[in-house]
C-alpha cells in the first residue's frame, strides 16, 4: 500500500499513451511498405525491450526517416515494452473509449444529472439484454462450472 501511495503522490501520476491505430493512420500518410506492416505492429505488441529493439532496428534499416518521424511526432508511449508494470491495462489502441464515446454521442449535450441518468438507463438496458442472453446460454455451460460460479457468488453482497 505504501508503494502505491508513493506512486500517486508523485507529480506525474499517470502514463500518457498513444493509440496505435491513430499512430499508424498518421504514419501511413508518410511511409508505406511491407517492412512497416511486418514490424510496426509487432513492435507495439512486444512485451520485451529486446523484441521491440529488434523490430525498431528493422524499421530504421529500411528507412531511418521513419524512426525519426516516430520519435519526433509520437512521443507518448505506444509499445507494451515501455508501459509501466503497475498499470494492468495493456491495450495499444483506445477502441474501448472510442466505442463508449460513440455510444453516448447523442447524450453529450445534456446536463450532468440528465447525462448520468442516461448512462444509468443505457447500462440497465445493456445488462438486461446480456442477462437474457445468459439465460439462453445456461444449458450450454458445463454443470460443474455452474456449481462453481454459484458457490463463488454466494458470498457477494450484490443484488
N, C-alpha and C. Protein backbone atom coordinates (compact mmCIF):
# COMPACT_ATOMS: atom_id res chain seq x y z
N UNK A 1 0.82 -1.20 0.00
CA UNK A 1 0.00 0.00 0.00
C UNK A 1 0.86 1.26 0.00
N UNK A 2 1.96 1.23 0.72
CA UNK A 2 2.83 2.38 0.81
C UNK A 2 3.43 2.74 -0.55
N UNK A 3 3.84 1.72 -1.32
CA UNK A 3 4.41 1.95 -2.65
C UNK A 3 3.36 2.57 -3.56
N UNK A 4 2.12 2.09 -3.45
CA UNK A 4 1.05 2.64 -4.27
C UNK A 4 0.80 4.11 -3.94
N UNK A 5 0.80 4.45 -2.67
CA UNK A 5 0.58 5.84 -2.28
C UNK A 5 1.73 6.73 -2.75
N UNK A 6 2.96 6.20 -2.70
CA UNK A 6 4.09 6.99 -3.18
C UNK A 6 3.97 7.24 -4.67
N UNK A 7 3.48 6.25 -5.41
CA UNK A 7 3.33 6.40 -6.85
C UNK A 7 2.34 7.51 -7.17
N UNK A 8 1.21 7.56 -6.44
CA UNK A 8 0.21 8.57 -6.72
C UNK A 8 0.57 9.93 -6.16
N UNK A 9 1.45 9.99 -5.19
CA UNK A 9 1.81 11.28 -4.62
C UNK A 9 2.85 12.01 -5.46
N UNK A 10 3.49 11.31 -6.40
CA UNK A 10 4.46 11.97 -7.26
C UNK A 10 3.74 12.92 -8.22
N UNK A 11 4.50 13.82 -8.80
CA UNK A 11 3.92 14.83 -9.68
C UNK A 11 3.24 14.20 -10.89
N UNK A 12 3.91 13.26 -11.54
CA UNK A 12 3.35 12.59 -12.70
C UNK A 12 2.63 11.33 -12.23
N UNK A 13 1.31 11.32 -12.28
CA UNK A 13 0.57 10.21 -11.71
C UNK A 13 0.03 9.23 -12.75
N UNK A 14 0.19 9.52 -14.01
CA UNK A 14 -0.32 8.57 -14.99
C UNK A 14 0.55 8.61 -16.25
N UNK A 15 0.49 7.52 -16.97
CA UNK A 15 1.22 7.44 -18.24
C UNK A 15 0.36 8.06 -19.33
N UNK A 16 1.02 8.69 -20.25
CA UNK A 16 0.33 9.22 -21.42
C UNK A 16 0.66 8.31 -22.58
N UNK A 17 -0.34 7.56 -22.99
CA UNK A 17 -0.16 6.59 -24.07
C UNK A 17 -0.81 7.09 -25.34
N UNK A 18 -0.33 6.55 -26.43
CA UNK A 18 -0.86 6.92 -27.73
C UNK A 18 -1.57 5.73 -28.34
N UNK A 19 -2.70 5.97 -28.96
CA UNK A 19 -3.44 4.91 -29.63
C UNK A 19 -2.69 4.48 -30.88
N UNK A 20 -2.40 3.21 -30.93
CA UNK A 20 -1.62 2.69 -32.06
C UNK A 20 -2.36 2.83 -33.38
N UNK A 21 -3.67 2.72 -33.35
CA UNK A 21 -4.45 2.88 -34.57
C UNK A 21 -4.23 4.28 -35.16
N UNK A 22 -4.30 5.30 -34.32
CA UNK A 22 -4.11 6.67 -34.81
C UNK A 22 -2.65 6.91 -35.23
N UNK A 23 -1.72 6.32 -34.50
CA UNK A 23 -0.31 6.44 -34.87
C UNK A 23 -0.08 5.85 -36.26
N UNK A 24 -0.62 4.66 -36.51
CA UNK A 24 -0.44 4.01 -37.81
C UNK A 24 -1.13 4.79 -38.92
N UNK A 25 -2.30 5.34 -38.62
CA UNK A 25 -3.01 6.14 -39.62
C UNK A 25 -2.16 7.34 -40.06
N UNK A 26 -1.56 8.03 -39.09
CA UNK A 26 -0.70 9.17 -39.42
C UNK A 26 0.59 8.70 -40.10
N UNK A 27 1.13 7.59 -39.63
CA UNK A 27 2.38 7.07 -40.16
C UNK A 27 2.23 6.69 -41.64
N UNK A 28 1.12 6.05 -42.00
CA UNK A 28 0.92 5.58 -43.37
C UNK A 28 0.78 6.72 -44.37
N UNK A 29 0.50 7.93 -43.88
CA UNK A 29 0.43 9.08 -44.79
C UNK A 29 1.81 9.43 -45.34
N UNK A 30 2.87 9.07 -44.60
CA UNK A 30 4.23 9.41 -45.00
C UNK A 30 5.04 8.20 -45.45
N UNK A 31 4.82 7.05 -44.81
CA UNK A 31 5.63 5.87 -45.09
C UNK A 31 4.73 4.66 -45.34
N UNK A 32 5.14 3.84 -46.28
CA UNK A 32 4.40 2.61 -46.55
C UNK A 32 5.39 1.55 -47.00
N UNK A 33 4.91 0.34 -47.02
CA UNK A 33 5.75 -0.76 -47.45
C UNK A 33 5.62 -1.96 -46.52
N UNK A 34 6.03 -3.09 -47.03
CA UNK A 34 5.91 -4.34 -46.29
C UNK A 34 6.71 -4.31 -44.99
N UNK A 35 7.84 -3.65 -44.99
CA UNK A 35 8.68 -3.63 -43.80
C UNK A 35 7.94 -3.01 -42.62
N UNK A 36 7.12 -2.00 -42.87
CA UNK A 36 6.38 -1.35 -41.78
C UNK A 36 5.23 -2.23 -41.30
N UNK A 37 4.57 -2.92 -42.24
CA UNK A 37 3.50 -3.83 -41.84
C UNK A 37 4.05 -5.00 -41.03
N UNK A 38 5.26 -5.43 -41.37
CA UNK A 38 5.86 -6.57 -40.67
C UNK A 38 6.47 -6.21 -39.33
N UNK A 39 6.75 -4.93 -39.09
CA UNK A 39 7.48 -4.58 -37.87
C UNK A 39 6.84 -3.52 -36.97
N UNK A 40 5.98 -2.66 -37.49
CA UNK A 40 5.44 -1.60 -36.64
C UNK A 40 4.45 -2.14 -35.61
N UNK A 41 3.47 -2.93 -36.05
CA UNK A 41 2.53 -3.52 -35.10
C UNK A 41 3.22 -4.50 -34.14
N UNK A 42 4.08 -5.39 -34.63
CA UNK A 42 4.79 -6.27 -33.68
C UNK A 42 5.63 -5.49 -32.67
N UNK A 43 6.18 -4.35 -33.06
CA UNK A 43 6.92 -3.52 -32.11
C UNK A 43 5.99 -3.00 -31.03
N UNK A 44 4.79 -2.62 -31.42
CA UNK A 44 3.82 -2.10 -30.44
C UNK A 44 3.35 -3.20 -29.49
N UNK A 45 3.17 -4.41 -30.00
CA UNK A 45 2.67 -5.50 -29.17
C UNK A 45 3.76 -6.22 -28.38
N UNK A 46 5.01 -5.92 -28.63
CA UNK A 46 6.10 -6.65 -27.96
C UNK A 46 6.16 -6.31 -26.47
N UNK A 47 6.31 -7.35 -25.66
CA UNK A 47 6.41 -7.17 -24.22
C UNK A 47 7.84 -6.86 -23.79
N UNK A 48 8.79 -7.44 -24.46
CA UNK A 48 10.18 -7.28 -24.01
C UNK A 48 10.88 -6.19 -24.81
N UNK A 49 11.74 -5.43 -24.16
CA UNK A 49 12.51 -4.42 -24.87
C UNK A 49 13.39 -5.03 -25.98
N UNK A 50 13.82 -6.27 -25.79
CA UNK A 50 14.65 -6.92 -26.81
C UNK A 50 13.89 -7.02 -28.13
N UNK A 51 12.64 -7.53 -28.08
CA UNK A 51 11.87 -7.68 -29.32
C UNK A 51 11.48 -6.34 -29.90
N UNK A 52 11.19 -5.38 -29.03
CA UNK A 52 10.90 -4.04 -29.54
C UNK A 52 12.10 -3.50 -30.31
N UNK A 53 13.29 -3.60 -29.73
CA UNK A 53 14.51 -3.11 -30.39
C UNK A 53 14.76 -3.83 -31.70
N UNK A 54 14.48 -5.12 -31.75
CA UNK A 54 14.67 -5.89 -32.98
C UNK A 54 13.78 -5.34 -34.10
N UNK A 55 12.51 -5.10 -33.78
CA UNK A 55 11.60 -4.56 -34.79
C UNK A 55 11.95 -3.10 -35.12
N UNK A 56 12.35 -2.35 -34.12
CA UNK A 56 12.73 -0.94 -34.31
C UNK A 56 13.93 -0.84 -35.25
N UNK A 57 14.93 -1.70 -35.06
CA UNK A 57 16.12 -1.68 -35.93
C UNK A 57 15.77 -2.04 -37.36
N UNK A 58 14.83 -2.98 -37.53
CA UNK A 58 14.41 -3.35 -38.89
C UNK A 58 13.75 -2.17 -39.58
N UNK A 59 12.95 -1.41 -38.85
CA UNK A 59 12.32 -0.21 -39.42
C UNK A 59 13.39 0.83 -39.74
N UNK A 60 14.34 1.02 -38.82
CA UNK A 60 15.40 2.02 -39.02
C UNK A 60 16.28 1.66 -40.22
N UNK A 61 16.57 0.37 -40.39
CA UNK A 61 17.39 -0.04 -41.54
C UNK A 61 16.66 0.18 -42.85
N UNK A 62 15.34 -0.01 -42.85
CA UNK A 62 14.57 0.19 -44.07
C UNK A 62 14.46 1.67 -44.41
N UNK A 63 14.23 2.51 -43.40
CA UNK A 63 14.08 3.94 -43.64
C UNK A 63 14.33 4.68 -42.34
N UNK A 64 15.47 5.30 -42.21
CA UNK A 64 15.82 5.98 -40.97
C UNK A 64 14.89 7.16 -40.68
N UNK A 65 14.35 7.74 -41.71
CA UNK A 65 13.42 8.86 -41.52
C UNK A 65 12.15 8.44 -40.79
N UNK A 66 11.78 7.18 -40.93
CA UNK A 66 10.57 6.69 -40.28
C UNK A 66 10.73 6.69 -38.76
N UNK A 67 11.88 6.22 -38.29
CA UNK A 67 12.10 6.19 -36.84
C UNK A 67 12.25 7.62 -36.29
N UNK A 68 12.89 8.49 -37.06
CA UNK A 68 12.99 9.89 -36.62
C UNK A 68 11.61 10.53 -36.54
N UNK A 69 10.76 10.23 -37.52
CA UNK A 69 9.39 10.76 -37.52
C UNK A 69 8.64 10.28 -36.27
N UNK A 70 8.76 9.00 -35.95
CA UNK A 70 8.07 8.47 -34.77
C UNK A 70 8.58 9.11 -33.48
N UNK A 71 9.88 9.29 -33.38
CA UNK A 71 10.45 9.88 -32.17
C UNK A 71 10.04 11.35 -32.02
N UNK A 72 9.93 12.04 -33.13
CA UNK A 72 9.61 13.47 -33.08
C UNK A 72 8.12 13.72 -32.87
N UNK A 73 7.26 12.98 -33.58
CA UNK A 73 5.84 13.28 -33.60
C UNK A 73 4.97 12.41 -32.70
N UNK A 74 5.52 11.32 -32.22
CA UNK A 74 4.73 10.40 -31.38
C UNK A 74 5.52 10.10 -30.11
N UNK A 75 5.55 11.08 -29.22
CA UNK A 75 6.38 11.00 -28.02
C UNK A 75 5.70 10.25 -26.88
N UNK A 76 4.41 10.04 -26.97
CA UNK A 76 3.72 9.28 -25.92
C UNK A 76 4.05 7.79 -26.07
N UNK A 77 3.76 7.04 -25.03
CA UNK A 77 4.04 5.60 -25.07
C UNK A 77 3.10 4.90 -26.03
N UNK A 78 3.65 4.02 -26.85
CA UNK A 78 2.81 3.28 -27.77
C UNK A 78 3.22 1.81 -27.86
N UNK A 79 4.20 1.39 -27.09
CA UNK A 79 4.61 -0.01 -27.13
C UNK A 79 4.50 -0.61 -25.73
N UNK A 80 4.03 -1.84 -25.68
CA UNK A 80 3.86 -2.51 -24.39
C UNK A 80 5.17 -2.63 -23.62
N UNK A 81 6.27 -2.72 -24.32
CA UNK A 81 7.56 -2.88 -23.63
C UNK A 81 7.93 -1.64 -22.81
N UNK A 82 7.29 -0.52 -23.08
CA UNK A 82 7.58 0.71 -22.33
C UNK A 82 6.50 1.05 -21.30
N UNK A 83 5.41 0.26 -21.28
CA UNK A 83 4.35 0.53 -20.33
C UNK A 83 4.81 0.22 -18.91
N UNK A 84 4.33 0.98 -17.96
CA UNK A 84 4.62 0.75 -16.57
C UNK A 84 3.96 -0.57 -16.14
N UNK A 85 4.68 -1.36 -15.36
CA UNK A 85 4.13 -2.66 -14.94
C UNK A 85 3.07 -2.52 -13.85
N UNK A 86 2.96 -1.35 -13.21
CA UNK A 86 1.91 -1.15 -12.22
C UNK A 86 0.53 -1.06 -12.86
N UNK A 87 0.48 -0.55 -14.07
CA UNK A 87 -0.78 -0.43 -14.78
C UNK A 87 -1.14 -1.78 -15.38
N UNK A 88 -2.36 -2.21 -15.17
CA UNK A 88 -2.76 -3.55 -15.60
C UNK A 88 -3.46 -3.55 -16.95
N UNK A 89 -3.55 -2.43 -17.61
CA UNK A 89 -4.17 -2.36 -18.93
C UNK A 89 -3.06 -2.36 -19.97
N UNK A 90 -3.12 -3.29 -20.90
CA UNK A 90 -2.04 -3.42 -21.87
C UNK A 90 -2.51 -3.15 -23.30
N UNK A 91 -3.62 -2.47 -23.46
CA UNK A 91 -4.13 -2.17 -24.79
C UNK A 91 -3.22 -1.18 -25.50
N UNK A 92 -3.01 -1.38 -26.78
CA UNK A 92 -2.24 -0.42 -27.57
C UNK A 92 -3.17 0.43 -28.44
N UNK A 93 -4.47 0.17 -28.37
CA UNK A 93 -5.45 1.00 -29.06
C UNK A 93 -6.46 1.51 -28.03
N UNK A 94 -7.23 2.50 -28.38
CA UNK A 94 -8.24 3.01 -27.45
C UNK A 94 -9.64 2.72 -27.97
N UNK A 95 -9.84 1.54 -28.52
CA UNK A 95 -11.14 1.18 -29.09
C UNK A 95 -12.26 1.24 -28.05
N UNK A 96 -11.95 0.90 -26.80
CA UNK A 96 -12.96 0.93 -25.76
C UNK A 96 -13.49 2.35 -25.56
N UNK A 97 -12.58 3.31 -25.47
CA UNK A 97 -13.00 4.70 -25.30
C UNK A 97 -13.74 5.20 -26.53
N UNK A 98 -13.27 4.82 -27.72
CA UNK A 98 -13.94 5.24 -28.95
C UNK A 98 -15.35 4.67 -29.00
N UNK A 99 -15.52 3.42 -28.61
CA UNK A 99 -16.85 2.80 -28.61
C UNK A 99 -17.77 3.49 -27.61
N UNK A 100 -17.24 3.78 -26.43
CA UNK A 100 -18.05 4.46 -25.41
C UNK A 100 -18.46 5.84 -25.89
N UNK A 101 -17.53 6.59 -26.46
CA UNK A 101 -17.86 7.93 -26.96
C UNK A 101 -18.92 7.88 -28.05
N UNK A 102 -18.84 6.88 -28.91
CA UNK A 102 -19.85 6.72 -29.96
C UNK A 102 -21.20 6.34 -29.35
N UNK A 103 -21.18 5.55 -28.29
CA UNK A 103 -22.39 5.08 -27.63
C UNK A 103 -23.16 6.25 -27.00
N UNK A 104 -22.43 7.24 -26.46
CA UNK A 104 -23.06 8.35 -25.76
C UNK A 104 -23.07 9.64 -26.58
N UNK A 105 -22.77 9.55 -27.85
CA UNK A 105 -22.63 10.74 -28.69
C UNK A 105 -23.83 11.68 -28.60
N UNK A 106 -25.01 11.15 -28.66
CA UNK A 106 -26.20 12.00 -28.65
C UNK A 106 -26.46 12.62 -27.29
N UNK A 107 -25.95 12.00 -26.22
CA UNK A 107 -26.23 12.48 -24.87
C UNK A 107 -25.22 13.48 -24.34
N UNK A 108 -24.17 13.75 -25.06
CA UNK A 108 -23.10 14.62 -24.56
C UNK A 108 -23.56 16.06 -24.32
N UNK A 109 -24.64 16.48 -24.94
CA UNK A 109 -25.12 17.85 -24.78
C UNK A 109 -25.97 18.03 -23.53
N UNK A 110 -26.31 16.94 -22.85
CA UNK A 110 -27.18 17.00 -21.67
C UNK A 110 -26.45 17.57 -20.46
N UNK A 111 -27.24 18.08 -19.51
CA UNK A 111 -26.68 18.50 -18.23
C UNK A 111 -26.20 17.26 -17.48
N UNK A 112 -25.37 17.47 -16.49
CA UNK A 112 -24.73 16.36 -15.79
C UNK A 112 -25.74 15.38 -15.20
N UNK A 113 -26.78 15.87 -14.53
CA UNK A 113 -27.79 14.97 -13.94
C UNK A 113 -28.46 14.12 -15.01
N UNK A 114 -28.85 14.76 -16.09
CA UNK A 114 -29.52 14.04 -17.17
C UNK A 114 -28.55 13.08 -17.86
N UNK A 115 -27.30 13.48 -17.99
CA UNK A 115 -26.30 12.62 -18.60
C UNK A 115 -26.09 11.35 -17.77
N UNK A 116 -25.97 11.52 -16.46
CA UNK A 116 -25.78 10.35 -15.59
C UNK A 116 -27.02 9.46 -15.60
N UNK A 117 -28.20 10.03 -15.66
CA UNK A 117 -29.42 9.24 -15.74
C UNK A 117 -29.47 8.48 -17.07
N UNK A 118 -29.03 9.11 -18.13
CA UNK A 118 -28.97 8.44 -19.43
C UNK A 118 -28.00 7.26 -19.39
N UNK A 119 -26.83 7.46 -18.75
CA UNK A 119 -25.88 6.36 -18.59
C UNK A 119 -26.53 5.20 -17.84
N UNK A 120 -27.21 5.54 -16.75
CA UNK A 120 -27.86 4.51 -15.94
C UNK A 120 -28.88 3.73 -16.76
N UNK A 121 -29.70 4.44 -17.53
CA UNK A 121 -30.71 3.78 -18.35
C UNK A 121 -30.07 2.89 -19.41
N UNK A 122 -29.03 3.40 -20.06
CA UNK A 122 -28.36 2.61 -21.09
C UNK A 122 -27.72 1.34 -20.50
N UNK A 123 -27.11 1.49 -19.33
CA UNK A 123 -26.49 0.33 -18.68
C UNK A 123 -27.53 -0.70 -18.27
N UNK A 124 -28.66 -0.25 -17.78
CA UNK A 124 -29.72 -1.18 -17.40
C UNK A 124 -30.23 -1.96 -18.60
N UNK A 125 -30.41 -1.27 -19.72
CA UNK A 125 -30.84 -1.95 -20.95
C UNK A 125 -29.79 -2.95 -21.40
N UNK A 126 -28.51 -2.54 -21.36
CA UNK A 126 -27.41 -3.43 -21.77
C UNK A 126 -27.34 -4.66 -20.86
N UNK A 127 -27.40 -4.43 -19.54
CA UNK A 127 -27.32 -5.56 -18.59
C UNK A 127 -28.51 -6.50 -18.76
N UNK A 128 -29.68 -5.95 -19.03
CA UNK A 128 -30.86 -6.78 -19.23
C UNK A 128 -30.71 -7.65 -20.48
N UNK A 129 -30.21 -7.05 -21.55
CA UNK A 129 -30.03 -7.85 -22.78
C UNK A 129 -28.98 -8.94 -22.57
N UNK A 130 -27.94 -8.64 -21.82
CA UNK A 130 -26.92 -9.66 -21.54
C UNK A 130 -27.46 -10.74 -20.60
N UNK A 131 -28.33 -10.34 -19.67
CA UNK A 131 -28.95 -11.32 -18.78
C UNK A 131 -29.81 -12.29 -19.58
N UNK A 132 -30.57 -11.76 -20.55
CA UNK A 132 -31.41 -12.62 -21.40
C UNK A 132 -30.55 -13.59 -22.21
N UNK A 133 -29.44 -13.10 -22.74
CA UNK A 133 -28.53 -13.97 -23.49
C UNK A 133 -27.96 -15.03 -22.56
N UNK A 134 -27.60 -14.62 -21.34
CA UNK A 134 -27.06 -15.57 -20.37
C UNK A 134 -28.05 -16.66 -20.00
N UNK A 135 -29.34 -16.31 -19.89
CA UNK A 135 -30.36 -17.30 -19.56
C UNK A 135 -30.48 -18.31 -20.69
N UNK A 136 -30.41 -17.85 -21.93
CA UNK A 136 -30.48 -18.76 -23.07
C UNK A 136 -29.27 -19.69 -23.12
N UNK A 137 -28.12 -19.20 -22.64
CA UNK A 137 -26.88 -19.98 -22.71
C UNK A 137 -26.68 -20.91 -21.52
N UNK A 138 -27.56 -20.86 -20.52
CA UNK A 138 -27.34 -21.61 -19.30
C UNK A 138 -27.16 -23.11 -19.56
N UNK A 139 -27.89 -23.64 -20.51
CA UNK A 139 -27.77 -25.08 -20.78
C UNK A 139 -26.46 -25.41 -21.49
N UNK A 140 -25.80 -24.42 -22.06
CA UNK A 140 -24.56 -24.67 -22.79
C UNK A 140 -23.33 -24.64 -21.89
N UNK A 141 -23.51 -24.24 -20.62
CA UNK A 141 -22.38 -24.19 -19.69
C UNK A 141 -22.34 -25.51 -18.93
N UNK A 142 -21.14 -26.05 -18.77
CA UNK A 142 -20.99 -27.33 -18.08
C UNK A 142 -21.48 -27.22 -16.64
N UNK A 143 -22.08 -28.30 -16.16
CA UNK A 143 -22.71 -28.31 -14.84
C UNK A 143 -21.73 -27.98 -13.71
N UNK A 144 -20.51 -28.53 -13.76
CA UNK A 144 -19.56 -28.27 -12.68
C UNK A 144 -19.11 -26.81 -12.67
N UNK A 145 -19.12 -26.16 -13.81
CA UNK A 145 -18.77 -24.73 -13.88
C UNK A 145 -19.90 -23.90 -13.28
N UNK A 146 -21.14 -24.27 -13.56
CA UNK A 146 -22.29 -23.57 -12.99
C UNK A 146 -22.27 -23.68 -11.47
N UNK A 147 -22.00 -24.88 -10.95
CA UNK A 147 -21.93 -25.07 -9.50
C UNK A 147 -20.83 -24.20 -8.88
N UNK A 148 -19.68 -24.15 -9.53
CA UNK A 148 -18.56 -23.35 -9.02
C UNK A 148 -18.89 -21.86 -9.03
N UNK A 149 -19.51 -21.38 -10.11
CA UNK A 149 -19.91 -19.97 -10.19
C UNK A 149 -20.93 -19.61 -9.12
N UNK A 150 -21.89 -20.50 -8.89
CA UNK A 150 -22.89 -20.24 -7.85
C UNK A 150 -22.24 -20.22 -6.48
N UNK A 151 -21.32 -21.14 -6.23
CA UNK A 151 -20.62 -21.17 -4.94
C UNK A 151 -19.79 -19.90 -4.74
N UNK A 152 -19.13 -19.45 -5.79
CA UNK A 152 -18.31 -18.24 -5.70
C UNK A 152 -19.16 -16.99 -5.50
N UNK A 153 -20.35 -16.97 -6.06
CA UNK A 153 -21.19 -15.77 -6.00
C UNK A 153 -22.02 -15.69 -4.72
N UNK A 154 -22.07 -16.74 -3.91
CA UNK A 154 -22.87 -16.70 -2.68
C UNK A 154 -22.36 -15.65 -1.70
N UNK A 155 -21.07 -15.44 -1.64
CA UNK A 155 -20.50 -14.50 -0.68
C UNK A 155 -20.51 -13.05 -1.16
N UNK A 156 -20.94 -12.82 -2.38
CA UNK A 156 -21.01 -11.46 -2.90
C UNK A 156 -22.23 -10.76 -2.31
N UNK A 157 -22.12 -9.47 -2.08
CA UNK A 157 -23.23 -8.71 -1.50
C UNK A 157 -23.91 -7.87 -2.56
N UNK A 158 -24.19 -8.48 -3.68
CA UNK A 158 -24.83 -7.78 -4.80
C UNK A 158 -26.27 -8.23 -4.90
N UNK A 159 -27.09 -7.35 -5.41
CA UNK A 159 -28.48 -7.70 -5.67
C UNK A 159 -28.82 -7.38 -7.09
